[in-house]
Amino acid sequence: MKFKMISLLLASGIVLAACGNDKSDDQKDDQKEEKTEQTTEQTTKDESKDDEDTNKTTQNTIKWDDVKVSPEDAVKTAQKESEGELKDLSFEKETGDWNYKVELVDGQNENKVLVNADDKSVANVEKETDDDDDDNEQTFKLSDVAKFDDVLKVAQDEAKGDLKEWSLSEDDGQLVYSIDLKEGNNDSTEFKIDAKSKEILEQEQD
């Protein structure tokens, strides 16, 4: 009888031990699965962040071929809205859209007209009066300078990239195109190019 009891107890102990081992193995498997899930989740987050950074960079540049409104049409639209001769012209992303900012001078009045580069709609008009009698403010016509398309080709022959922004204005007595190109996550390249001769005056990476 004692022998049977001892045998029964031993058998029970073996079963319990086996159960304990199974439970321990199950816990290890669960931990492995949890760790794998965490690693996968982290990898997905990292990939999403990289994609997000790339998208942000792409959203802040534009291919010139995708711009529907030409600089000439933007200036004509602005001059219908406000009188004046062209003093400064710039192209950049503002208020979530790509726009031309056209600055016109009419006597002592300076008007800044924001023209949408997609549909020529006038987004904003700012009117200022300059009390200083400054007759040295240089105004110009787009027909007197090289077309932006040709100047852009000069810049893109030197550095790859899409447009981040550009402007046309007076700089030390001469009309200059300032062009900012950017490719992916690389540094942007800034150019200053003579608006008439298309000569590169300055080139630097930022």
C-alpha atoms as a PDB file:
ATOM      1  CA  MET A   1       0.000   0.000   0.000  1.00  0.00           C
ATOM      2  CA  LYS A   2       2.807   2.382   0.883  1.00  0.00           C
ATOM      3  CA  PHE A   3       4.554   1.387  -2.309  1.00  0.00           C
ATOM      4  CA  LYS A   4       1.439   2.285  -4.340  1.00  0.00           C
ATOM      5  CA  MET A   5       1.122   5.643  -2.582  1.00  0.00           C
ATOM      6  CA  ILE A   6       4.779   6.500  -3.258  1.00  0.00           C
ATOM      7  CA  SER A   7       4.389   5.507  -6.918  1.00  0.00           C
ATOM      8  CA  LEU A   8       1.275   7.653  -7.222  1.00  0.00           C
ATOM      9  CA  LEU A   9       2.995  10.662  -5.673  1.00  0.00           C
ATOM     10  CA  LEU A  10       6.005  10.282  -7.967  1.00  0.00           C
ATOM     11  CA  ALA A  11       3.765  10.048 -11.007  1.00  0.00           C
ATOM     12  CA  SER A  12       1.890  13.187  -9.918  1.00  0.00           C
ATOM     13  CA  GLY A  13       5.181  15.017  -9.426  1.00  0.00           C
ATOM     14  CA  ILE A  14       6.354  14.113 -12.919  1.00  0.00           C
ATOM     15  CA  VAL A  15       3.064  15.327 -14.465  1.00  0.00           C
ATOM     16  CA  LEU A  16       3.233  18.613 -12.529  1.00  0.00           C
ATOM     17  CA  ALA A  17       6.855  19.109 -13.525  1.00  0.00           C
ATOM     18  CA  ALA A  18       5.968  18.474 -17.156  1.00  0.00           C
ATOM     19  CA  CYS A  19       3.136  20.996 -16.927  1.00  0.00           C
ATOM     20  CA  GLY A  20       5.506  23.482 -15.351  1.00  0.00           C
ATOM     21  CA  ASN A  21       7.966  23.007 -18.195  1.00  0.00           C
ATOM     22  CA  ASP A  22       5.196  23.411 -20.770  1.00  0.00           C
ATOM     23  CA  LYS A  23       4.071  26.614 -19.077  1.00  0.00           C
ATOM     24  CA  SER A  24       7.651  27.928 -19.017  1.00  0.00           C
ATOM     25  CA  ASP A  25       8.089  27.103 -22.710  1.00  0.00           C
ATOM     26  CA  ASP A  26       4.798  28.837 -23.516  1.00  0.00           C
ATOM     27  CA  GLN A  27       5.949  31.946 -21.651  1.00  0.00           C
ATOM     28  CA  LYS A  28       9.215  31.969 -23.595  1.00  0.00           C
ATOM     29  CA  ASP A  29       7.341  31.654 -26.892  1.00  0.00           C
ATOM     30  CA  ASP A  30       4.998  34.489 -25.897  1.00  0.00           C
ATOM     31  CA  GLN A  31       7.970  36.687 -24.986  1.00  0.00           C
ATOM     32  CA  LYS A  32       9.660  35.921 -28.314  1.00  0.00           C
ATOM     33  CA  GLU A  33       6.492  36.775 -30.230  1.00  0.00           C
ATOM     34  CA  GLU A  34       6.049  40.000 -28.262  1.00  0.00           C
ATOM     35  CA  LYS A  35       9.659  41.007 -28.915  1.00  0.00           C
ATOM     36  CA  THR A  36       9.281  40.242 -32.641  1.00  0.00           C
ATOM     37  CA  GLU A  37       6.088  42.341 -32.770  1.00  0.00           C
ATOM     38  CA  GLN A  38       7.843  45.244 -31.033  1.00  0.00           C
ATOM     39  CA  THR A  39      10.778  45.058 -33.475  1.00  0.00           C
ATOM     40  CA  THR A  40       8.421  44.946 -36.463  1.00  0.00           C
ATOM     41  CA  GLU A  41       6.404  47.859 -35.077  1.00  0.00           C
ATOM     42  CA  GLN A  42       9.553  49.937 -34.524  1.00  0.00           C
ATOM     43  CA  THR A  43      10.804  49.167 -38.045  1.00  0.00           C
ATOM     44  CA  THR A  44       7.429  50.233 -39.474  1.00  0.00           C
ATOM     45  CA  LYS A  45       7.561  53.486 -37.469  1.00  0.00           C
ATOM     46  CA  ASP A  46      11.103  54.209 -38.726  1.00  0.00           C
ATOM     47  CA  GLU A  47      10.070  53.535 -42.329  1.00  0.00           C
ATOM     48  CA  SER A  48       6.990  55.750 -41.918  1.00  0.00           C
ATOM     49  CA  LYS A  49       9.150  58.569 -40.533  1.00  0.00           C
ATOM     50  CA  ASP A  50      11.540  58.275 -43.489  1.00  0.00           C
ATOM     51  CA  ASP A  51       8.600  58.379 -45.899  1.00  0.00           C
ATOM     52  CA  GLU A  52       7.160  61.376 -44.049  1.00  0.00           C
ATOM     53  CA  ASP A  53      10.483  63.244 -44.233  1.00  0.00           C
ATOM     54  CA  THR A  54      10.741  62.482 -47.957  1.00  0.00           C
ATOM     55  CA  ASN A  55       7.158  63.648 -48.538  1.00  0.00           C
ATOM     56  CA  LYS A  56       7.810  66.890 -46.653  1.00  0.00           C
ATOM     57  CA  THR A  57      10.883  67.535 -48.806  1.00  0.00           C
ATOM     58  CA  THR A  58       8.950  66.765 -51.982  1.00  0.00           C
ATOM     59  CA  GLN A  59       6.073  69.051 -50.925  1.00  0.00           C
ATOM     60  CA  ASN A  60       8.488  71.947 -50.487  1.00  0.00           C
ATOM     61  CA  THR A  61       9.824  71.704 -54.052  1.00  0.00           C
ATOM     62  CA  ILE A  62       8.151  71.665 -57.447  1.00  0.00           C
ATOM     63  CA  LYS A  63       9.096  70.714 -60.997  1.00  0.00           C
ATOM     64  CA  TRP A  64       8.951  73.810 -63.174  1.00  0.00           C
ATOM     65  CA  ASP A  65       7.106  71.858 -65.881  1.00  0.00           C
ATOM     66  CA  ASP A  66       4.250  71.375 -63.378  1.00  0.00           C
ATOM     67  CA  VAL A  67       3.747  75.135 -62.937  1.00  0.00           C
ATOM     68  CA  LYS A  68       0.720  76.143 -65.015  1.00  0.00           C
ATOM     69  CA  VAL A  69       1.022  79.940 -64.884  1.00  0.00           C
ATOM     70  CA  SER A  70       4.002  81.642 -66.545  1.00  0.00           C
ATOM     71  CA  PRO A  71       5.814  84.615 -64.962  1.00  0.00           C
ATOM     72  CA  GLU A  72       4.547  86.813 -67.808  1.00  0.00           C
ATOM     73  CA  ASP A  73       0.911  85.866 -67.151  1.00  0.00           C
ATOM     74  CA  ALA A  74       1.378  86.388 -63.402  1.00  0.00           C
ATOM     75  CA  VAL A  75       2.661  89.928 -63.968  1.00  0.00           C
ATOM     76  CA  LYS A  76      -0.212  90.732 -66.373  1.00  0.00           C
ATOM     77  CA  THR A  77      -2.713  89.467 -63.797  1.00  0.00           C
ATOM     78  CA  ALA A  78      -1.117  91.596 -61.064  1.00  0.00           C
ATOM     79  CA  GLN A  79      -1.097  94.729 -63.239  1.00  0.00           C
ATOM     80  CA  LYS A  80      -4.802  94.281 -63.935  1.00  0.00           C
ATOM     81  CA  GLU A  81      -5.352  94.234 -60.171  1.00  0.00           C
ATOM     82  CA  SER A  82      -3.015  97.125 -59.317  1.00  0.00           C
ATOM     83  CA  GLU A  83      -1.281  99.780 -61.386  1.00  0.00           C
ATOM     84  CA  GLY A  84       2.473 100.126 -61.435  1.00  0.00           C
ATOM     85  CA  GLU A  85       5.766  99.076 -62.978  1.00  0.00           C
ATOM     86  CA  LEU A  86       7.434  95.818 -62.001  1.00  0.00           C
ATOM     87  CA  LYS A  87       9.985  96.182 -59.215  1.00  0.00           C
ATOM     88  CA  ASP A  88      10.356  92.644 -57.900  1.00  0.00           C
ATOM     89  CA  LEU A  89       9.053  89.198 -58.827  1.00  0.00           C
ATOM     90  CA  SER A  90       9.328  86.057 -56.701  1.00  0.00           C
ATOM     91  CA  PHE A  91       7.972  82.521 -56.748  1.00  0.00           C
ATOM     92  CA  GLU A  92       7.558  80.441 -53.608  1.00  0.00           C
ATOM     93  CA  LYS A  93       5.183  78.301 -51.593  1.00  0.00           C
ATOM     94  CA  GLU A  94       3.011  80.465 -49.354  1.00  0.00           C
ATOM     95  CA  THR A  95      -0.208  79.686 -47.474  1.00  0.00           C
ATOM     96  CA  GLY A  96       0.024  76.096 -48.715  1.00  0.00           C
ATOM     97  CA  ASP A  97       0.024  77.039 -52.426  1.00  0.00           C
ATOM     98  CA  TRP A  98       2.661  77.960 -54.969  1.00  0.00           C
ATOM     99  CA  ASN A  99       2.349  81.673 -55.716  1.00  0.00           C
ATOM    100  CA  TYR A 100       4.003  84.531 -57.522  1.00  0.00           C
ATOM    101  CA  LYS A 101       4.562  87.643 -55.450  1.00  0.00           C
ATOM    102  CA  VAL A 102       4.533  90.610 -57.811  1.00  0.00           C
ATOM    103  CA  GLU A 103       5.738  93.973 -56.461  1.00  0.00           C
ATOM    104  CA  LEU A 104       4.601  97.015 -58.445  1.00  0.00           C
ATOM    105  CA  VAL A 105       5.615 100.643 -58.014  1.00  0.00           C
ATOM    106  CA  ASP A 106       3.317 103.496 -58.993  1.00  0.00           C
ATOM    107  CA  GLY A 107       4.777 106.800 -57.869  1.00  0.00           C
ATOM    108  CA  GLN A 108       4.903 106.609 -54.092  1.00  0.00           C
ATOM    109  CA  ASN A 109       2.581 103.615 -53.997  1.00  0.00           C
ATOM    110  CA  GLU A 110       3.967 100.130 -53.747  1.00  0.00           C
ATOM    111  CA  ASN A 111       1.589  97.236 -54.318  1.00  0.00           C
ATOM    112  CA  LYS A 112       2.310  93.576 -53.612  1.00  0.00           C
ATOM    113  CA  VAL A 113       0.025  91.169 -55.429  1.00  0.00           C
ATOM    114  CA  LEU A 114      -0.031  87.449 -54.668  1.00  0.00           C
ATOM    115  CA  VAL A 115      -0.988  85.426 -57.757  1.00  0.00           C
ATOM    116  CA  ASN A 116      -1.741  81.706 -57.572  1.00  0.00           C
ATOM    117  CA  ALA A 117       0.622  79.768 -59.861  1.00  0.00           C
ATOM    118  CA  ASP A 118      -2.032  77.164 -60.618  1.00  0.00           C
ATOM    119  CA  ASP A 119      -5.037  79.185 -61.745  1.00  0.00           C
ATOM    120  CA  LYS A 120      -3.954  82.875 -61.829  1.00  0.00           C
ATOM    121  CA  SER A 121      -6.364  83.810 -59.046  1.00  0.00           C
ATOM    122  CA  VAL A 122      -5.334  86.779 -56.896  1.00  0.00           C
ATOM    123  CA  ALA A 123      -4.807  85.496 -53.369  1.00  0.00           C
ATOM    124  CA  ASN A 124      -3.879  88.774 -51.673  1.00  0.00           C
ATOM    125  CA  VAL A 125      -3.102  92.441 -52.329  1.00  0.00           C
ATOM    126  CA  GLU A 126      -1.027  94.674 -50.063  1.00  0.00           C
ATOM    127  CA  LYS A 127      -0.848  98.402 -50.701  1.00  0.00           C
ATOM    128  CA  GLU A 128       1.781 100.611 -49.110  1.00  0.00           C
ATOM    129  CA  THR A 129       2.718 104.268 -49.466  1.00  0.00           C
ATOM    130  CA  ASP A 130       6.391 105.170 -49.386  1.00  0.00           C
ATOM    131  CA  ASP A 131       6.896 108.661 -47.940  1.00  0.00           C
ATOM    132  CA  ASP A 132      10.548 108.787 -49.055  1.00  0.00           C
ATOM    133  CA  ASP A 133      11.100 110.471 -52.406  1.00  0.00           C
ATOM    134  CA  ASP A 134      13.287 107.746 -53.850  1.00  0.00           C
ATOM    135  CA  ASP A 135      13.461 108.018 -57.610  1.00  0.00           C
ATOM    136  CA  ASN A 136      16.273 105.470 -57.762  1.00  0.00           C
ATOM    137  CA  GLU A 137      13.999 102.464 -57.388  1.00  0.00           C
ATOM    138  CA  GLN A 138      14.648 100.396 -60.461  1.00  0.00           C
ATOM    139  CA  THR A 139      11.662  99.048 -62.319  1.00  0.00           C
ATOM    140  CA  PHE A 140      11.841  96.811 -65.352  1.00  0.00           C
ATOM    141  CA  LYS A 141       9.887  94.785 -67.875  1.00  0.00           C
ATOM    142  CA  LEU A 142      10.162  91.031 -68.200  1.00  0.00           C
ATOM    143  CA  SER A 143      10.779  91.512 -71.913  1.00  0.00           C
ATOM    144  CA  ASP A 144      14.068  93.271 -71.005  1.00  0.00           C
ATOM    145  CA  VAL A 145      15.552  90.211 -69.255  1.00  0.00           C
ATOM    146  CA  ALA A 146      16.213  86.566 -70.123  1.00  0.00           C
ATOM    147  CA  LYS A 147      13.259  84.206 -69.762  1.00  0.00           C
ATOM    148  CA  PHE A 148      13.213  82.308 -66.491  1.00  0.00           C
ATOM    149  CA  ASP A 149      13.024  78.959 -68.323  1.00  0.00           C
ATOM    150  CA  ASP A 150      16.390  79.648 -69.974  1.00  0.00           C
ATOM    151  CA  VAL A 151      18.002  80.842 -66.755  1.00  0.00           C
ATOM    152  CA  LEU A 152      16.723  77.775 -64.886  1.00  0.00           C
ATOM    153  CA  LYS A 153      18.419  75.518 -67.461  1.00  0.00           C
ATOM    154  CA  VAL A 154      21.716  77.256 -66.741  1.00  0.00           C
ATOM    155  CA  ALA A 155      21.314  76.516 -63.015  1.00  0.00           C
ATOM    156  CA  GLN A 156      20.188  72.913 -63.521  1.00  0.00           C
ATOM    157  CA  ASP A 157      23.181  72.249 -65.760  1.00  0.00           C
ATOM    158  CA  GLU A 158      25.307  72.936 -62.687  1.00  0.00           C
ATOM    159  CA  ALA A 159      23.192  71.287 -59.973  1.00  0.00           C
ATOM    160  CA  LYS A 160      20.362  68.768 -60.031  1.00  0.00           C
ATOM    161  CA  GLY A 161      17.159  69.496 -58.196  1.00  0.00           C
ATOM    162  CA  ASP A 162      13.646  70.890 -58.330  1.00  0.00           C
ATOM    163  CA  LEU A 163      12.617  74.422 -57.484  1.00  0.00           C
ATOM    164  CA  LYS A 164      12.359  75.506 -53.885  1.00  0.00           C
ATOM    165  CA  GLU A 165      11.934  79.198 -54.772  1.00  0.00           C
ATOM    166  CA  TRP A 166      13.193  81.910 -57.100  1.00  0.00           C
ATOM    167  CA  SER A 167      13.123  85.680 -57.436  1.00  0.00           C
ATOM    168  CA  LEU A 168      14.038  88.449 -59.858  1.00  0.00           C
ATOM    169  CA  SER A 169      15.115  91.788 -58.423  1.00  0.00           C
ATOM    170  CA  GLU A 170      17.790  94.461 -58.383  1.00  0.00           C
ATOM    171  CA  ASP A 171      21.036  93.591 -56.633  1.00  0.00           C
ATOM    172  CA  ASP A 172      23.859  96.153 -56.543  1.00  0.00           C
ATOM    173  CA  GLY A 173      22.527  97.987 -59.560  1.00  0.00           C
ATOM    174  CA  GLN A 174      21.902  94.960 -61.753  1.00  0.00           C
ATOM    175  CA  LEU A 175      18.944  92.690 -62.261  1.00  0.00           C
ATOM    176  CA  VAL A 176      19.571  89.242 -60.822  1.00  0.00           C
ATOM    177  CA  TYR A 177      17.726  85.947 -60.743  1.00  0.00           C
ATOM    178  CA  SER A 178      18.087  84.152 -57.398  1.00  0.00           C
ATOM    179  CA  ILE A 179      17.285  80.451 -57.762  1.00  0.00           C
ATOM    180  CA  ASP A 180      17.135  77.824 -55.022  1.00  0.00           C
ATOM    181  CA  LEU A 181      17.259  74.169 -56.138  1.00  0.00           C
ATOM    182  CA  LYS A 182      16.897  71.093 -53.942  1.00  0.00           C
ATOM    183  CA  GLU A 183      17.124  67.361 -54.700  1.00  0.00           C
ATOM    184  CA  GLY A 184      15.586  64.951 -52.160  1.00  0.00           C
ATOM    185  CA  ASN A 185      17.144  65.300 -48.708  1.00  0.00           C
ATOM    186  CA  ASN A 186      20.355  66.819 -50.087  1.00  0.00           C
ATOM    187  CA  ASP A 187      21.444  70.372 -49.297  1.00  0.00           C
ATOM    188  CA  SER A 188      19.871  73.032 -51.461  1.00  0.00           C
ATOM    189  CA  THR A 189      21.980  74.903 -54.028  1.00  0.00           C
ATOM    190  CA  GLU A 190      21.494  78.645 -54.388  1.00  0.00           C
ATOM    191  CA  PHE A 191      22.362  80.576 -57.532  1.00  0.00           C
ATOM    192  CA  LYS A 192      22.614  84.235 -58.399  1.00  0.00           C
ATOM    193  CA  ILE A 193      22.476  84.666 -62.167  1.00  0.00           C
ATOM    194  CA  ASP A 194      22.697  87.846 -64.248  1.00  0.00           C
ATOM    195  CA  ALA A 195      19.177  88.392 -65.577  1.00  0.00           C
ATOM    196  CA  LYS A 196      20.379  89.634 -68.972  1.00  0.00           C
ATOM    197  CA  SER A 197      23.580  87.722 -69.783  1.00  0.00           C
ATOM    198  CA  LYS A 198      22.594  84.513 -67.870  1.00  0.00           C
ATOM    199  CA  GLU A 199      26.070  84.460 -66.331  1.00  0.00           C
ATOM    200  CA  ILE A 200      26.340  82.685 -62.964  1.00  0.00           C
ATOM    201  CA  LEU A 201      27.470  85.310 -60.460  1.00  0.00           C
ATOM    202  CA  GLU A 202      27.338  83.147 -57.342  1.00  0.00           C
ATOM    203  CA  GLN A 203      26.717  79.505 -56.440  1.00  0.00           C
ATOM    204  CA  GLU A 204      26.644  78.003 -52.969  1.00  0.00           C
ATOM    205  CA  GLN A 205      25.221  75.067 -51.050  1.00  0.00           C
ATOM    206  CA  ASP A 206      23.107  75.621 -47.960  1.00  0.00           C
END
